[in-house]
C-alpha atoms as a PDB file:
ATOM      1  CA  MET A   1     -13.431  -8.169  -6.968  1.00  0.00           C
ATOM      2  CA  THR A   2     -14.904  -6.619 -10.029  1.00  0.00           C
ATOM      3  CA  SER A   3     -13.240  -5.794 -13.181  1.00  0.00           C
ATOM      4  CA  ALA A   4     -14.573  -2.351 -12.811  1.00  0.00           C
ATOM      5  CA  ASN A   5     -12.423  -2.241  -9.709  1.00  0.00           C
ATOM      6  CA  PHE A   6      -9.519  -3.474 -11.541  1.00  0.00           C
ATOM      7  CA  LYS A   7      -9.962  -0.948 -14.326  1.00  0.00           C
ATOM      8  CA  ARG A   8     -10.461   1.730 -12.015  1.00  0.00           C
ATOM      9  CA  MET A   9      -7.318   1.017  -9.950  1.00  0.00           C
ATOM     10  CA  GLN A  10      -5.279   0.789 -13.344  1.00  0.00           C
ATOM     11  CA  GLU A  11      -6.418   4.233 -14.489  1.00  0.00           C
ATOM     12  CA  SER A  12      -5.643   5.773 -10.824  1.00  0.00           C
ATOM     13  CA  ALA A  13      -2.066   4.343 -10.810  1.00  0.00           C
ATOM     14  CA  GLY A  14      -1.177   4.843 -14.514  1.00  0.00           C
ATOM     15  CA  GLU A  15       2.551   4.928 -15.013  1.00  0.00           C
ATOM     16  CA  ARG A  16       2.856   4.834 -11.190  1.00  0.00           C
ATOM     17  CA  LEU A  17       2.229   1.193 -11.188  1.00  0.00           C
ATOM     18  CA  ALA A  18       5.295   0.287 -13.182  1.00  0.00           C
ATOM     19  CA  LEU A  19       7.255   2.441 -10.826  1.00  0.00           C
ATOM     20  CA  LEU A  20       5.932   0.441  -7.967  1.00  0.00           C
ATOM     21  CA  LEU A  21       7.186  -2.889  -9.400  1.00  0.00           C
ATOM     22  CA  GLU A  22      10.230  -1.494 -10.436  1.00  0.00           C
ATOM     23  CA  CYS A  23      11.128   0.081  -7.235  1.00  0.00           C
ATOM     24  CA  TYR A  24      10.361  -3.126  -5.245  1.00  0.00           C
ATOM     25  CA  HIS A  25      12.509  -5.241  -7.587  1.00  0.00           C
ATOM     26  CA  ARG A  26      15.679  -2.701  -7.549  1.00  0.00           C
ATOM     27  CA  LEU A  27      15.191  -2.421  -3.530  1.00  0.00           C
ATOM     28  CA  THR A  28      14.798  -6.227  -2.997  1.00  0.00           C
ATOM     29  CA  GLY A  29      16.050  -7.949  -5.936  1.00  0.00           C
ATOM     30  CA  GLU A  30      12.690  -9.846  -5.825  1.00  0.00           C
ATOM     31  CA  ILE A  31       9.816  -9.472  -8.482  1.00  0.00           C
ATOM     32  CA  LEU A  32       6.585  -8.473  -6.825  1.00  0.00           C
ATOM     33  CA  ALA A  33       4.537  -9.335  -9.788  1.00  0.00           C
ATOM     34  CA  ALA A  34       5.068  -9.923 -13.528  1.00  0.00           C
ATOM     35  CA  ASP A  35       2.547  -7.332 -14.529  1.00  0.00           C
ATOM     36  CA  ALA A  36      -0.704  -5.433 -13.522  1.00  0.00           C
ATOM     37  CA  ASP A  37      -2.904  -8.440 -13.926  1.00  0.00           C
ATOM     38  CA  ALA A  38      -0.557 -10.542 -11.515  1.00  0.00           C
ATOM     39  CA  LEU A  39      -0.284  -7.824  -9.091  1.00  0.00           C
ATOM     40  CA  TRP A  40      -3.965  -7.361  -9.022  1.00  0.00           C
ATOM     41  CA  ASN A  41      -4.660 -10.958  -8.341  1.00  0.00           C
ATOM     42  CA  ALA A  42      -1.532 -11.321  -5.770  1.00  0.00           C
ATOM     43  CA  THR A  43      -2.265 -13.359  -2.608  1.00  0.00           C
ATOM     44  CA  CYS A  44      -0.618 -10.472  -0.572  1.00  0.00           C
ATOM     45  CA  ALA A  45      -2.071  -7.377  -0.347  1.00  0.00           C
ATOM     46  CA  VAL A  46      -0.427  -4.187  -2.033  1.00  0.00           C
ATOM     47  CA  LEU A  47      -1.114  -0.689  -1.818  1.00  0.00           C
ATOM     48  CA  ALA A  48       0.294   2.721  -2.513  1.00  0.00           C
ATOM     49  CA  HIS A  49      -0.237   6.309  -1.816  1.00  0.00           C
ATOM     50  CA  ASP A  50       0.853   9.652  -3.335  1.00  0.00           C
ATOM     51  CA  ARG A  51       2.718  12.713  -1.872  1.00  0.00           C
ATOM     52  CA  SER A  52      -0.006  14.871  -1.521  1.00  0.00           C
ATOM     53  CA  VAL A  53      -0.732  16.441   2.071  1.00  0.00           C
ATOM     54  CA  PRO A  54      -1.955  14.380   3.639  1.00  0.00           C
ATOM     55  CA  PRO A  55      -1.106  11.436   1.208  1.00  0.00           C
ATOM     56  CA  GLU A  56      -3.944   9.655  -0.483  1.00  0.00           C
ATOM     57  CA  PHE A  57      -4.064   6.174  -1.777  1.00  0.00           C
ATOM     58  CA  PHE A  58      -3.632   5.809  -5.487  1.00  0.00           C
ATOM     59  CA  TYR A  59      -3.537   1.989  -5.664  1.00  0.00           C
ATOM     60  CA  ALA A  60      -4.801  -1.151  -3.713  1.00  0.00           C
ATOM     61  CA  ASN A  61      -5.037  -4.591  -5.457  1.00  0.00           C
ATOM     62  CA  ALA A  62      -7.935  -6.976  -4.937  1.00  0.00           C
ATOM     63  CA  ARG A  63      -6.385  -8.539  -1.537  1.00  0.00           C
ATOM     64  CA  THR A  64      -6.141  -5.050  -0.157  1.00  0.00           C
ATOM     65  CA  LEU A  65      -9.799  -4.055  -1.116  1.00  0.00           C
ATOM     66  CA  SER A  66     -11.077  -6.957   0.543  1.00  0.00           C
ATOM     67  CA  LEU A  67      -9.031  -6.494   3.747  1.00  0.00           C
ATOM     68  CA  PHE A  68     -10.072  -2.783   4.000  1.00  0.00           C
ATOM     69  CA  LYS A  69     -13.720  -3.888   2.871  1.00  0.00           C
ATOM     70  CA  ARG A  70     -13.651  -1.140   0.178  1.00  0.00           C
ATOM     71  CA  SER A  71     -14.153  -0.627  -3.635  1.00  0.00           C
ATOM     72  CA  ALA A  72     -11.681   1.191  -5.862  1.00  0.00           C
ATOM     73  CA  ASP A  73     -13.709   4.442  -5.650  1.00  0.00           C
ATOM     74  CA  THR A  74     -13.800   4.381  -1.839  1.00  0.00           C
ATOM     75  CA  MET A  75      -9.974   3.592  -1.342  1.00  0.00           C
ATOM     76  CA  ILE A  76      -8.620   5.944  -4.243  1.00  0.00           C
ATOM     77  CA  GLY A  77      -8.066   9.076  -2.519  1.00  0.00           C
ATOM     78  CA  LEU A  78      -8.634   8.250   0.838  1.00  0.00           C
ATOM     79  CA  PRO A  79      -5.956   9.808   3.189  1.00  0.00           C
ATOM     80  CA  SER A  80      -3.443   6.774   3.969  1.00  0.00           C
ATOM     81  CA  HIS A  81      -3.198   8.036   7.695  1.00  0.00           C
ATOM     82  CA  LEU A  82      -7.067   7.152   8.034  1.00  0.00           C
ATOM     83  CA  SER A  83      -6.279   3.465   7.404  1.00  0.00           C
ATOM     84  CA  ALA A  84      -4.492   3.358  10.878  1.00  0.00           C
ATOM     85  CA  GLU A  85      -6.147   3.692  14.118  1.00  0.00           C
ATOM     86  CA  PRO A  86      -5.520   7.230  15.795  1.00  0.00           C
ATOM     87  CA  ASP A  87      -3.177   5.713  18.644  1.00  0.00           C
ATOM     88  CA  ALA A  88      -1.143   3.901  16.099  1.00  0.00           C
ATOM     89  CA  ARG A  89      -0.390   6.928  14.023  1.00  0.00           C
ATOM     90  CA  GLU A  90       2.665   7.781  15.886  1.00  0.00           C
ATOM     91  CA  GLU A  91       4.015   4.583  15.073  1.00  0.00           C
ATOM     92  CA  ARG A  92       3.229   4.818  11.526  1.00  0.00           C
ATOM     93  CA  ALA A  93       5.009   8.147  11.471  1.00  0.00           C
ATOM     94  CA  ALA A  94       8.213   6.689  13.060  1.00  0.00           C
ATOM     95  CA  MET A  95       8.218   4.133  10.481  1.00  0.00           C
ATOM     96  CA  PHE A  96       7.953   6.664   7.723  1.00  0.00           C
ATOM     97  CA  ALA A  97      11.017   8.511   9.351  1.00  0.00           C
ATOM     98  CA  LYS A  98      13.021   5.128   8.886  1.00  0.00           C
ATOM     99  CA  LEU A  99      11.947   5.034   5.443  1.00  0.00           C
ATOM    100  CA  GLU A 100      13.406   8.581   4.536  1.00  0.00           C
ATOM    101  CA  ALA A 101      16.733   7.293   5.567  1.00  0.00           C
ATOM    102  CA  LYS A 102      16.870   3.622   3.696  1.00  0.00           C
ATOM    103  CA  ASP A 103      13.908   3.678   0.986  1.00  0.00           C
ATOM    104  CA  ILE A 104      12.778   0.393   2.370  1.00  0.00           C
ATOM    105  CA  VAL A 105      11.655  -0.815   5.651  1.00  0.00           C
ATOM    106  CA  THR A 106      10.717  -4.437   6.287  1.00  0.00           C
ATOM    107  CA  GLY A 107       9.428  -6.378   9.093  1.00  0.00           C
ATOM    108  CA  TYR A 108       6.673  -3.425   9.876  1.00  0.00           C
ATOM    109  CA  SER A 109       3.728  -4.383  11.792  1.00  0.00           C
ATOM    110  CA  GLY A 110       0.724  -2.119  12.624  1.00  0.00           C
ATOM    111  CA  ILE A 111      -3.233  -2.221  13.452  1.00  0.00           C
ATOM    112  CA  ARG A 112      -5.387  -1.120  10.524  1.00  0.00           C
ATOM    113  CA  VAL A 113      -8.870  -0.319  10.357  1.00  0.00           C
ATOM    114  CA  ALA A 114     -11.372  -1.424   7.658  1.00  0.00           C
ATOM    115  CA  ALA A 115     -14.421   0.656   6.283  1.00  0.00           C
ATOM    116  CA  ASP A 116     -16.751  -1.122   8.654  1.00  0.00           C
ATOM    117  CA  GLY A 117     -14.647  -0.631  11.841  1.00  0.00           C
ATOM    118  CA  SER A 118     -13.002  -4.093  11.858  1.00  0.00           C
ATOM    119  CA  ARG A 119      -9.453  -4.182  12.845  1.00  0.00           C
ATOM    120  CA  PHE A 120      -6.346  -6.367  11.698  1.00  0.00           C
ATOM    121  CA  ARG A 121      -2.774  -6.202  12.341  1.00  0.00           C
ATOM    122  CA  ILE A 122      -0.443  -6.282   9.554  1.00  0.00           C
ATOM    123  CA  VAL A 123       2.506  -8.512   9.967  1.00  0.00           C
ATOM    124  CA  ASP A 124       5.974  -8.419   8.821  1.00  0.00           C
ATOM    125  CA  ALA A 125       5.073  -5.968   5.870  1.00  0.00           C
ATOM    126  CA  ALA A 126       7.583  -4.160   3.441  1.00  0.00           C
ATOM    127  CA  ILE A 127       7.170  -0.429   2.814  1.00  0.00           C
ATOM    128  CA  TRP A 128       9.317   1.186   0.107  1.00  0.00           C
ATOM    129  CA  ASN A 129       9.605   4.561  -1.759  1.00  0.00           C
ATOM    130  CA  LEU A 130       8.689   5.007  -4.993  1.00  0.00           C
ATOM    131  CA  ARG A 131      11.564   6.919  -6.619  1.00  0.00           C
ATOM    132  CA  ASP A 132      11.874   7.510 -10.303  1.00  0.00           C
ATOM    133  CA  ALA A 133      15.301   7.151 -12.338  1.00  0.00           C
ATOM    134  CA  SER A 134      15.866  10.744 -11.188  1.00  0.00           C
ATOM    135  CA  GLY A 135      15.469  10.101  -7.686  1.00  0.00           C
ATOM    136  CA  THR A 136      12.210  12.131  -7.498  1.00  0.00           C
ATOM    137  CA  LEU A 137       9.859  10.658  -4.822  1.00  0.00           C
ATOM    138  CA  HIS A 138       6.183   9.828  -5.908  1.00  0.00           C
ATOM    139  CA  GLY A 139       4.973   8.238  -2.791  1.00  0.00           C
ATOM    140  CA  GLN A 140       5.205   4.941  -0.976  1.00  0.00           C
ATOM    141  CA  ALA A 141       4.059   1.300  -1.379  1.00  0.00           C
ATOM    142  CA  ALA A 142       3.376  -1.426   1.015  1.00  0.00           C
ATOM    143  CA  ARG A 143       3.372  -5.259   0.606  1.00  0.00           C
ATOM    144  CA  ILE A 144       1.645  -7.021   3.337  1.00  0.00           C
ATOM    145  CA  GLU A 145       2.128 -10.879   3.321  1.00  0.00           C
ATOM    146  CA  ALA A 146       0.188 -11.533   6.505  1.00  0.00           C
ATOM    147  CA  VAL A 147      -2.599 -10.191   8.468  1.00  0.00           C
ATOM    148  CA  GLU A 148      -4.252 -11.308  11.969  1.00  0.00           C
ATOM    149  CA  MET A 149      -7.889 -10.338  12.411  1.00  0.00           C
ATOM    150  CA  LEU A 150      -8.645  -8.528  15.611  1.00  0.00           C
ATOM    151  CA  SER A 151     -11.933  -7.785  17.313  1.00  0.00           C
ATOM    152  CA  ARG A 152     -13.615  -4.487  17.100  1.00  0.00           C
END
């Protein structure tokens, strides 16, 4: 992925990138990445969306852009529900209901769709809320360790 994609993602995420890292550490006790460069180059896919209606992606690392076959410009602002197949959106909504109660959901799996129509199953993902120190919700993020590529 190009340095232009990296720069565009950093601009889009802004201060929310630090919040993404802080919340993951607080909720799991683990360090997701040491800094923005490490997060961008991580072997796992990491992405986040905001609280607009519908929620839109504001961050995706290089691994995520590769999976979704998108550039930063085509990922940023994409309504996050469009990353799932229409028949998988109910399952995704149920996961977000669980997230309301716990601030983190682990073991999540679901099918996602890339820009070219190819499909992949995310396996054992962690999804967490992005809450600042005052408890204000800024969106959600996901860490995807493994995927299974599927036929179209």
